[in-house]
Amino acid sequence: MFEGDALMQDIFMTRLHEFTIILYALSVLFYFFDFMHNNQRANRIAFWLLLFVWVLQSSFLFIYIVEMKRFPILTIMEGLYFYSWVLVTFSLIINKWLKIDFIVFFTNVFGFVIMAIHTFAPARDSAQVHAEQVVSELLFIHVTAALLAYGMFTISFVFSVLYCIQYDLLKQKKWGKRVMRIADLAKLEHISYLLCVIGVPLLLIGLILGVQWAVIQRQDFLWYDPKIISSFIVLFVYSSFLYLRVSKKLRGKNGALLNIASFLIMLINFFLVGNFSNFHY
C-alpha cells in the first residue's frame, strides 16, 4: 500500500510539473505576441501566467526542501530546476519594476528550455514504465505543438494567396462579385501576419521538446540530422518574415509572396526531408 501511495504521489507531482510546463509555454506565447504587437493585454496575461508558474515552482522547491531536508541543488537535475526558478524570479522582478519587456521574453524562452529539460528527463530512480510514459507524453506534446504551428502556417498561406489574387484583381480593375467576396487587402495581410505570430512560437516550443525527446530516447541522435536542420530552417524563414514585416522592410504583395515561399519550404520539410532522417519517420 505504501509503495502504491508513493507511486500515485510521484505521478501526481509529474502531472503538476507538466501542467506548469503548459502554463509556462502559454506565458511565452503571450510574451511573444506582445513582443511582436506591443499588446499590453497580452503582456498582462503573460505576467499572471508566469506568476502562477513561479508559485508552483516555489511550492515544488519548498516540498523538495522538506522531503530531502536540504537545499536541492546537489545534482544536475536539481540544479536545472533551481536555475529555472531563478530565471522566472528575475523575470518577474524585471517585468514588474524595470518594465524591460523584451528581456523578459527572451529570458523566458531560455527558462522554458531549462524547465522542459528538467521536467521530461526521466529520473534515474523512477520506474521504467513511468519513465517511458513521461517520454511518450513529451513526444505527444512535441508533435501537437508542431502540427498546430503547421496549421497556423497553412491558414496564413491561404490568406496570402487570397491577398495576391485580390491584389491582381484590383490592379487590373476587375470590379465584380469576386472582388467583393474577398476581404480587403489590409485585413488579409494582417490576419496572415497574426497567424504566423502564433505559429512561430508554437514551432519553437515543438522543436525544443522534440530535441529533448530525441536526446532522451534515441541513441543514434545526431544534431546535424536533416530533419532537425530543415525544421530550424523553417523556423528561421518564418522568423525572418516576421522581422521584415514588423520592421516594415517588406509589406504588401512582396510580403505575401515571401509567406507563400515559406509555406512551400515548410511542405518540403514536412513531406520530404523526414525520409532522409535517421530517426524521424
Protein backbone atom coordinates (compact mmCIF):
# COMPACT_ATOMS: atom_id res chain seq x y z
CA MET A 1 0.00 0.00 0.00
CA PHE A 2 2.86 2.33 0.90
CA GLU A 3 4.60 1.76 -2.45
CA GLY A 4 1.31 2.31 -4.27
CA ASP A 5 0.72 5.60 -2.46
CA ALA A 6 4.27 6.70 -3.24
CA LEU A 7 3.77 5.89 -6.92
CA MET A 8 0.49 7.80 -7.05
CA GLN A 9 2.15 10.79 -5.39
CA ASP A 10 5.02 10.60 -7.89
CA ILE A 11 2.58 10.53 -10.81
CA PHE A 12 0.62 13.45 -9.32
CA MET A 13 3.78 15.53 -8.98
CA THR A 14 4.72 14.68 -12.56
CA ARG A 15 1.31 15.87 -13.76
CA LEU A 16 1.77 19.12 -11.85
CA HIS A 17 5.17 19.62 -13.47
CA GLU A 18 3.63 19.02 -16.89
CA PHE A 19 0.82 21.47 -16.08
CA THR A 20 3.47 24.01 -15.09
CA ILE A 21 5.22 23.48 -18.44
CA ILE A 22 1.93 24.14 -20.27
CA LEU A 23 1.39 27.37 -18.32
CA TYR A 24 5.00 28.37 -18.99
CA ALA A 25 4.52 27.72 -22.73
CA LEU A 26 1.36 29.85 -22.75
CA SER A 27 3.22 32.64 -20.97
CA VAL A 28 5.97 32.52 -23.61
CA LEU A 29 3.33 32.63 -26.36
CA PHE A 30 1.68 35.73 -24.90
CA TYR A 31 5.04 37.43 -24.33
CA PHE A 32 5.91 36.70 -27.96
CA PHE A 33 2.60 38.22 -29.09
CA ASP A 34 3.35 41.31 -27.01
CA PHE A 35 6.91 41.39 -28.39
CA MET A 36 5.59 41.41 -31.95
CA HIS A 37 2.49 43.55 -31.42
CA ASN A 38 3.15 45.75 -28.39
CA ASN A 39 -0.07 44.43 -26.85
CA GLN A 40 -0.42 45.36 -23.18
CA ARG A 41 -3.27 42.93 -22.59
CA ALA A 42 -1.14 40.04 -23.83
CA ASN A 43 1.68 41.29 -21.60
CA ARG A 44 -0.57 41.27 -18.53
CA ILE A 45 -1.84 37.77 -19.28
CA ALA A 46 1.73 36.54 -19.79
CA PHE A 47 2.78 38.15 -16.48
CA TRP A 48 -0.01 36.50 -14.46
CA LEU A 49 0.66 33.12 -16.08
CA LEU A 50 4.35 33.49 -15.26
CA LEU A 51 3.45 34.46 -11.70
CA PHE A 52 1.37 31.27 -11.38
CA VAL A 53 4.32 29.28 -12.75
CA TRP A 54 6.54 30.88 -10.10
CA VAL A 55 4.07 29.97 -7.35
CA LEU A 56 4.01 26.34 -8.49
CA GLN A 57 7.79 26.20 -8.85
CA SER A 58 8.27 27.73 -5.41
CA SER A 59 5.84 25.21 -3.93
CA PHE A 60 7.75 22.32 -5.53
CA LEU A 61 11.02 23.78 -4.26
CA PHE A 62 9.64 24.00 -0.73
CA ILE A 63 8.36 20.41 -0.91
CA TYR A 64 11.79 19.21 -2.08
CA ILE A 65 13.48 21.03 0.82
CA VAL A 66 11.08 19.46 3.36
CA GLU A 67 11.37 15.94 1.93
CA MET A 68 15.13 15.94 1.38
CA LYS A 69 15.96 18.10 4.43
CA ARG A 70 18.47 20.04 2.35
CA PHE A 71 18.52 22.61 -0.42
CA PRO A 72 18.03 20.68 -3.72
CA ILE A 73 20.99 21.81 -5.82
CA LEU A 74 23.42 18.91 -5.41
CA THR A 75 22.60 17.10 -8.68
CA ILE A 76 22.42 18.32 -12.27
CA MET A 77 18.62 17.97 -12.45
CA GLU A 78 18.15 19.73 -9.10
CA GLY A 79 20.45 22.49 -10.30
CA LEU A 80 18.47 22.89 -13.52
CA TYR A 81 15.23 23.24 -11.60
CA PHE A 82 16.66 25.86 -9.27
CA TYR A 83 18.21 27.63 -12.29
CA SER A 84 14.78 27.75 -13.95
CA TRP A 85 13.24 29.11 -10.74
CA VAL A 86 15.88 31.84 -10.60
CA LEU A 87 15.16 32.87 -14.20
CA VAL A 88 11.43 33.07 -13.54
CA THR A 89 12.01 35.05 -10.34
CA PHE A 90 14.24 37.63 -12.02
CA SER A 91 11.85 37.81 -14.99
CA LEU A 92 9.00 38.77 -12.66
CA ILE A 93 11.17 41.39 -10.96
CA ILE A 94 12.28 42.87 -14.30
CA ASN A 95 8.73 42.83 -15.66
CA LYS A 96 7.22 44.46 -12.56
CA TRP A 97 9.77 47.11 -11.62
CA LEU A 98 12.07 47.72 -14.59
CA LYS A 99 9.50 47.32 -17.39
CA ILE A 100 12.01 45.87 -19.88
CA ASP A 101 9.59 43.55 -21.67
CA PHE A 102 11.86 42.23 -24.43
CA ILE A 103 14.43 40.98 -21.92
CA VAL A 104 11.61 39.19 -20.10
CA PHE A 105 10.51 37.45 -23.30
CA PHE A 106 13.95 36.20 -24.31
CA THR A 107 14.81 35.20 -20.74
CA ASN A 108 11.67 33.09 -20.50
CA VAL A 109 12.32 31.34 -23.79
CA PHE A 110 15.60 30.17 -22.25
CA GLY A 111 13.91 29.42 -18.93
CA PHE A 112 11.30 27.32 -20.70
CA VAL A 113 14.05 25.23 -22.30
CA ILE A 114 15.64 24.60 -18.89
CA MET A 115 12.27 23.74 -17.33
CA ALA A 116 11.45 21.33 -20.16
CA ILE A 117 14.80 19.55 -19.76
CA HIS A 118 14.16 19.12 -16.05
CA THR A 119 10.54 18.01 -16.38
CA PHE A 120 10.88 15.49 -19.18
CA ALA A 121 14.23 13.94 -18.36
CA PRO A 122 13.35 10.57 -16.77
CA ALA A 123 14.52 10.36 -13.17
CA ARG A 124 17.16 7.70 -12.58
CA ASP A 125 15.30 6.26 -9.60
CA SER A 126 11.90 6.14 -11.28
CA ALA A 127 10.22 3.01 -12.51
CA GLN A 128 10.97 2.19 -16.16
CA VAL A 129 7.31 2.17 -17.13
CA HIS A 130 6.76 5.59 -15.59
CA ALA A 131 9.83 6.99 -17.36
CA GLU A 132 8.65 5.64 -20.70
CA GLN A 133 5.23 7.19 -20.12
CA VAL A 134 6.79 10.60 -19.48
CA VAL A 135 8.89 10.34 -22.66
CA SER A 136 5.81 9.34 -24.65
CA GLU A 137 3.93 12.36 -23.34
CA LEU A 138 6.88 14.55 -24.29
CA LEU A 139 6.69 13.21 -27.85
CA PHE A 140 2.91 13.81 -27.89
CA ILE A 141 3.33 17.46 -26.85
CA HIS A 142 6.12 17.93 -29.42
CA VAL A 143 4.00 16.57 -32.27
CA THR A 144 0.91 18.51 -31.16
CA ALA A 145 2.76 21.84 -30.95
CA ALA A 146 4.43 21.28 -34.33
CA LEU A 147 1.16 20.35 -36.06
CA LEU A 148 -0.65 23.33 -34.54
CA ALA A 149 2.13 25.55 -35.89
CA TYR A 150 1.85 23.93 -39.32
CA GLY A 151 -1.90 24.52 -39.20
CA MET A 152 -1.38 28.22 -38.48
CA PHE A 153 1.15 28.49 -41.31
CA THR A 154 -1.25 26.74 -43.71
CA ILE A 155 -4.12 29.13 -42.98
CA SER A 156 -1.70 32.04 -43.19
CA PHE A 157 -0.62 30.75 -46.61
CA VAL A 158 -4.26 30.72 -47.76
CA PHE A 159 -4.69 34.34 -46.71
CA SER A 160 -1.51 35.30 -48.58
CA VAL A 161 -2.78 33.56 -51.73
CA LEU A 162 -6.08 35.44 -51.41
CA TYR A 163 -4.08 38.65 -50.96
CA CYS A 164 -2.22 38.06 -54.23
CA ILE A 165 -5.47 37.25 -56.06
CA GLN A 166 -7.22 40.33 -54.70
CA TYR A 167 -4.18 42.50 -55.43
CA ASP A 168 -4.10 41.42 -59.09
CA LEU A 169 -7.86 41.86 -59.48
CA LEU A 170 -7.72 45.39 -58.10
CA LYS A 171 -4.64 46.27 -60.14
CA GLN A 172 -6.39 45.10 -63.32
CA LYS A 173 -9.53 47.00 -62.20
CA LYS A 174 -11.68 43.90 -62.49
CA TRP A 175 -14.51 45.00 -60.25
CA GLY A 176 -17.24 42.48 -59.57
CA LYS A 177 -18.69 39.98 -57.12
CA ARG A 178 -15.37 38.14 -56.86
CA VAL A 179 -13.62 41.24 -55.52
CA MET A 180 -16.45 41.92 -53.08
CA ARG A 181 -16.39 38.38 -51.70
CA ILE A 182 -12.66 38.58 -50.85
CA ALA A 183 -11.73 40.72 -47.87
CA ASP A 184 -9.80 43.95 -48.33
CA LEU A 185 -6.01 43.78 -48.70
CA ALA A 186 -5.17 45.25 -45.30
CA LYS A 187 -7.32 42.69 -43.49
CA LEU A 188 -5.91 39.77 -45.48
CA GLU A 189 -2.34 40.89 -44.78
CA HIS A 190 -2.99 41.46 -41.07
CA ILE A 191 -4.67 38.09 -40.45
CA SER A 192 -1.94 36.27 -42.36
CA TYR A 193 0.66 38.01 -40.19
CA LEU A 194 -1.19 37.24 -36.92
CA LEU A 195 -1.36 33.54 -37.78
CA CYS A 196 2.41 33.49 -38.26
CA VAL A 197 2.85 35.30 -34.94
CA ILE A 198 1.02 32.39 -33.29
CA GLY A 199 2.72 29.71 -35.39
CA VAL A 200 6.35 30.71 -34.82
CA PRO A 201 6.44 30.30 -31.01
CA LEU A 202 4.42 27.08 -31.30
CA LEU A 203 7.00 25.72 -33.72
CA LEU A 204 9.83 26.86 -31.44
CA ILE A 205 8.25 25.06 -28.47
CA GLY A 206 7.69 21.96 -30.60
CA LEU A 207 11.33 21.93 -31.73
CA ILE A 208 12.63 22.39 -28.19
CA LEU A 209 10.59 19.47 -26.89
CA GLY A 210 11.35 17.37 -29.97
CA VAL A 211 15.09 17.75 -29.50
CA GLN A 212 14.65 16.92 -25.83
CA TRP A 213 12.76 13.73 -26.73
CA ALA A 214 15.40 12.70 -29.28
CA VAL A 215 18.25 13.23 -26.80
CA ILE A 216 16.48 11.04 -24.22
CA GLN A 217 15.09 8.33 -26.46
CA ARG A 218 17.42 7.90 -29.42
CA GLN A 219 20.98 6.61 -29.11
CA ASP A 220 21.54 7.41 -32.79
CA PHE A 221 20.51 11.04 -32.33
CA LEU A 222 22.59 13.48 -34.40
CA TRP A 223 22.37 17.25 -34.15
CA TYR A 224 23.05 17.53 -37.87
CA ASP A 225 20.17 15.20 -38.79
CA PRO A 226 18.47 16.53 -41.97
CA LYS A 227 15.07 16.80 -40.28
CA ILE A 228 16.45 18.89 -37.41
CA ILE A 229 18.35 21.20 -39.74
CA SER A 230 15.39 21.68 -42.08
CA SER A 231 12.98 22.30 -39.18
CA PHE A 232 15.19 25.06 -37.82
CA ILE A 233 15.47 26.47 -41.35
CA VAL A 234 11.65 26.67 -41.44
CA LEU A 235 11.71 28.45 -38.08
CA PHE A 236 14.38 30.85 -39.34
CA VAL A 237 12.48 31.62 -42.56
CA TYR A 238 9.22 32.38 -40.76
CA SER A 239 11.06 34.39 -38.10
CA SER A 240 12.71 36.41 -40.87
CA PHE A 241 9.29 37.00 -42.41
CA LEU A 242 8.01 38.37 -39.09
CA TYR A 243 11.09 40.54 -38.63
CA LEU A 244 10.80 42.05 -42.10
CA ARG A 245 7.08 42.59 -41.57
CA VAL A 246 7.49 44.31 -38.20
CA SER A 247 10.44 46.43 -39.38
CA LYS A 248 8.30 47.47 -42.36
CA LYS A 249 11.01 46.43 -44.79
CA LEU A 250 8.65 44.06 -46.56
CA ARG A 251 4.95 44.76 -46.94
CA GLY A 252 2.16 44.19 -49.43
CA LYS A 253 2.47 41.68 -52.21
CA ASN A 254 6.18 41.03 -51.65
CA GLY A 255 5.41 40.06 -48.04
CA ALA A 256 2.64 37.74 -49.21
CA LEU A 257 4.98 36.10 -51.73
CA LEU A 258 7.60 35.53 -49.03
CA ASN A 259 4.96 33.94 -46.81
CA ILE A 260 3.93 31.66 -49.68
CA ALA A 261 7.58 30.69 -50.28
CA SER A 262 7.99 29.99 -46.55
CA PHE A 263 5.00 27.67 -46.67
CA LEU A 264 6.46 25.76 -49.63
CA ILE A 265 9.69 25.29 -47.65
CA MET A 266 7.60 24.00 -44.75
CA LEU A 267 5.89 21.49 -47.06
CA ILE A 268 9.26 20.20 -48.25
CA ASN A 269 10.32 19.80 -44.62
CA PHE A 270 7.09 18.05 -43.67
CA PHE A 271 6.70 15.62 -46.55
CA LEU A 272 10.19 15.07 -47.97
CA VAL A 273 13.04 15.69 -45.54
CA GLY A 274 11.78 13.18 -42.97
CA ASN A 275 12.58 10.38 -45.42
CA PHE A 276 16.30 11.17 -45.03
CA SER A 277 16.26 11.32 -41.22
CA ASN A 278 17.80 8.53 -39.19
CA PHE A 279 15.08 8.70 -36.53
CA HIS A 280 12.22 10.97 -37.73
CA TYR A 281 9.64 8.99 -39.69
